[in-house]
């Protein structure tokens, strides 16, 4: 018996669907607790939801299937930002990796703001911080090099 199935004792009391009064209830919504018939029952991830709750959870990104599709921006931004640190030895590569890491981190934060239940907020913030630090270190290195006296032979 799944978590959303209603015990036989409850169904024997002639529970009706909250959306179709003529239909016998076969389950309850995991989120709101409304009785749902076979037409309204939306099974997802081992749970049963009414159509309204499923739509809400899907839009918020609360379902695992929507979170799985989000794993790229926060992970990629952090990886690129960290790779930009050794990339400082090669100035062009370090700048490119740091900028891309910061941009992806900002994109991830915007998507998380639109869907608050998505994971990865801390990782996106860390990616932005590491990328900005890489750019600052690169700027300091360039200023330091430009202040060195010319080498004469």
Protein backbone atom coordinates (compact mmCIF):
# COMPACT_ATOMS: atom_id res chain seq x y z
CA UNK A 1 0.00 0.00 0.00
CA UNK A 2 1.45 3.39 -0.99
CA UNK A 3 1.52 6.37 1.34
CA UNK A 4 -1.35 8.05 -0.50
CA UNK A 5 -3.76 5.10 -0.49
CA UNK A 6 -6.70 5.56 1.80
CA UNK A 7 -7.37 2.72 4.28
CA UNK A 8 -10.42 0.61 3.47
CA UNK A 9 -12.15 1.77 6.68
CA UNK A 10 -12.07 5.38 5.48
CA UNK A 11 -13.22 4.53 1.94
CA UNK A 12 -16.06 2.43 3.34
CA UNK A 13 -17.56 5.66 4.73
CA UNK A 14 -18.40 6.62 1.14
CA UNK A 15 -15.71 9.29 0.73
CA UNK A 16 -16.16 11.26 -2.48
CA UNK A 17 -13.67 13.06 -4.69
CA UNK A 18 -13.23 16.74 -3.82
CA UNK A 19 -13.40 17.65 -7.52
CA UNK A 20 -15.92 15.07 -8.81
CA UNK A 21 -18.71 14.58 -6.27
CA UNK A 22 -20.12 11.58 -8.17
CA UNK A 23 -16.83 9.63 -8.06
CA UNK A 24 -15.66 7.41 -5.22
CA UNK A 25 -12.37 8.52 -3.64
CA UNK A 26 -9.43 6.17 -4.19
CA UNK A 27 -6.69 8.19 -2.45
CA UNK A 28 -5.89 11.40 -0.61
CA UNK A 29 -3.59 14.17 -1.77
CA UNK A 30 -0.25 14.05 0.07
CA UNK A 31 -0.08 17.84 0.24
CA UNK A 32 -3.60 19.14 0.97
CA UNK A 33 -5.37 15.99 2.16
CA UNK A 34 -8.31 16.23 -0.26
CA UNK A 35 -9.94 13.01 -1.37
CA UNK A 36 -9.26 12.28 -5.05
CA UNK A 37 -10.82 9.85 -7.51
CA UNK A 38 -8.97 7.80 -10.12
CA UNK A 39 -9.30 10.66 -12.62
CA UNK A 40 -7.81 13.28 -10.29
CA UNK A 41 -5.08 11.18 -8.70
CA UNK A 42 -1.63 12.24 -9.96
CA UNK A 43 1.03 9.80 -8.78
CA UNK A 44 4.56 11.19 -8.70
CA UNK A 45 7.70 9.98 -6.95
CA UNK A 46 5.78 7.37 -4.94
CA UNK A 47 3.22 9.87 -3.69
CA UNK A 48 -0.23 10.88 -4.80
CA UNK A 49 -1.31 14.49 -5.38
CA UNK A 50 -4.43 16.23 -6.62
CA UNK A 51 -3.98 18.08 -9.92
CA UNK A 52 -3.81 21.51 -8.24
CA UNK A 53 -1.10 20.49 -5.76
CA UNK A 54 0.92 18.68 -8.42
CA UNK A 55 0.87 21.79 -10.64
CA UNK A 56 1.92 23.98 -7.70
CA UNK A 57 4.78 21.68 -6.70
CA UNK A 58 5.92 21.39 -10.31
CA UNK A 59 5.94 25.18 -10.81
CA UNK A 60 7.88 25.71 -7.58
CA UNK A 61 10.44 23.10 -8.59
CA UNK A 62 9.73 21.08 -5.44
CA UNK A 63 9.50 17.75 -7.23
CA UNK A 64 12.69 15.73 -7.65
CA UNK A 65 12.19 15.49 -11.41
CA UNK A 66 12.31 19.30 -11.72
CA UNK A 67 15.28 19.61 -9.35
CA UNK A 68 17.30 17.05 -11.29
CA UNK A 69 17.10 19.17 -14.42
CA UNK A 70 18.63 22.09 -12.50
CA UNK A 71 21.91 20.50 -11.48
CA UNK A 72 24.01 22.08 -14.24
CA UNK A 73 24.19 25.87 -13.56
CA UNK A 74 25.22 25.80 -9.91
CA UNK A 75 27.66 22.90 -10.30
CA UNK A 76 29.17 24.22 -13.52
CA UNK A 77 29.57 27.73 -12.17
CA UNK A 78 31.38 26.51 -9.07
CA UNK A 79 33.63 24.18 -11.07
CA UNK A 80 34.61 26.90 -13.54
CA UNK A 81 35.22 29.43 -10.78
CA UNK A 82 37.52 27.01 -8.93
CA UNK A 83 39.34 26.13 -12.16
CA UNK A 84 39.95 29.83 -12.75
CA UNK A 85 42.32 29.94 -9.75
CA UNK A 86 45.06 27.78 -11.32
CA UNK A 87 44.09 29.40 -14.61
CA UNK A 88 45.54 32.64 -13.25
CA UNK A 89 48.92 31.40 -14.42
CA UNK A 90 47.54 31.75 -17.93
CA UNK A 91 45.85 35.14 -17.71
CA UNK A 92 43.40 34.75 -20.59
CA UNK A 93 42.20 31.33 -19.45
CA UNK A 94 41.77 32.49 -15.84
CA UNK A 95 39.70 35.49 -16.89
CA UNK A 96 37.46 33.43 -19.18
CA UNK A 97 36.83 30.74 -16.54
CA UNK A 98 36.18 33.28 -13.78
CA UNK A 99 33.77 35.36 -15.87
CA UNK A 100 31.84 32.31 -17.09
CA UNK A 101 31.70 30.96 -13.52
CA UNK A 102 30.31 34.27 -12.20
CA UNK A 103 27.75 34.54 -15.03
CA UNK A 104 26.53 30.97 -14.48
CA UNK A 105 26.36 31.60 -10.72
CA UNK A 106 24.20 34.68 -11.27
CA UNK A 107 21.96 32.73 -13.67
CA UNK A 108 21.59 29.98 -11.07
CA UNK A 109 20.65 32.51 -8.36
CA UNK A 110 18.02 34.07 -10.64
CA UNK A 111 16.48 30.67 -11.30
CA UNK A 112 16.56 29.83 -7.59
CA UNK A 113 14.84 33.14 -6.81
CA UNK A 114 12.07 32.22 -9.25
CA UNK A 115 11.80 28.68 -7.81
CA UNK A 116 12.78 28.88 -4.11
CA UNK A 117 12.66 25.13 -3.53
CA UNK A 118 15.54 24.45 -5.93
CA UNK A 119 18.85 23.35 -4.42
CA UNK A 120 22.26 24.91 -5.02
CA UNK A 121 21.95 28.45 -3.62
CA UNK A 122 25.09 28.19 -1.46
CA UNK A 123 27.08 26.65 -4.28
CA UNK A 124 26.04 29.42 -6.69
CA UNK A 125 27.02 32.11 -4.15
CA UNK A 126 30.36 30.37 -3.56
CA UNK A 127 30.96 30.25 -7.32
CA UNK A 128 30.35 33.99 -7.62
CA UNK A 129 32.65 34.70 -4.67
CA UNK A 130 35.48 32.50 -5.98
CA UNK A 131 35.13 33.92 -9.50
CA UNK A 132 35.24 37.51 -8.24
CA UNK A 133 38.27 36.71 -6.05
CA UNK A 134 40.00 35.20 -9.08
CA UNK A 135 39.35 38.35 -11.08
CA UNK A 136 40.64 40.52 -8.23
CA UNK A 137 43.80 38.43 -7.90
CA UNK A 138 44.34 38.68 -11.63
CA UNK A 139 43.89 42.46 -11.48
CA UNK A 140 46.36 42.74 -8.60
CA UNK A 141 48.86 40.59 -10.48
CA UNK A 142 48.55 42.73 -13.61
CA UNK A 143 49.00 45.96 -11.63
CA UNK A 144 51.99 44.46 -9.83
CA UNK A 145 53.62 43.43 -13.09
CA UNK A 146 53.03 46.86 -14.61
CA UNK A 147 54.74 48.55 -11.63
CA UNK A 148 57.93 46.49 -11.94
CA UNK A 149 60.91 48.37 -13.40
CA UNK A 150 61.83 47.36 -16.92
CA UNK A 151 64.51 44.72 -17.20
CA UNK A 152 67.63 45.92 -18.99
CA UNK A 153 70.27 43.62 -20.31
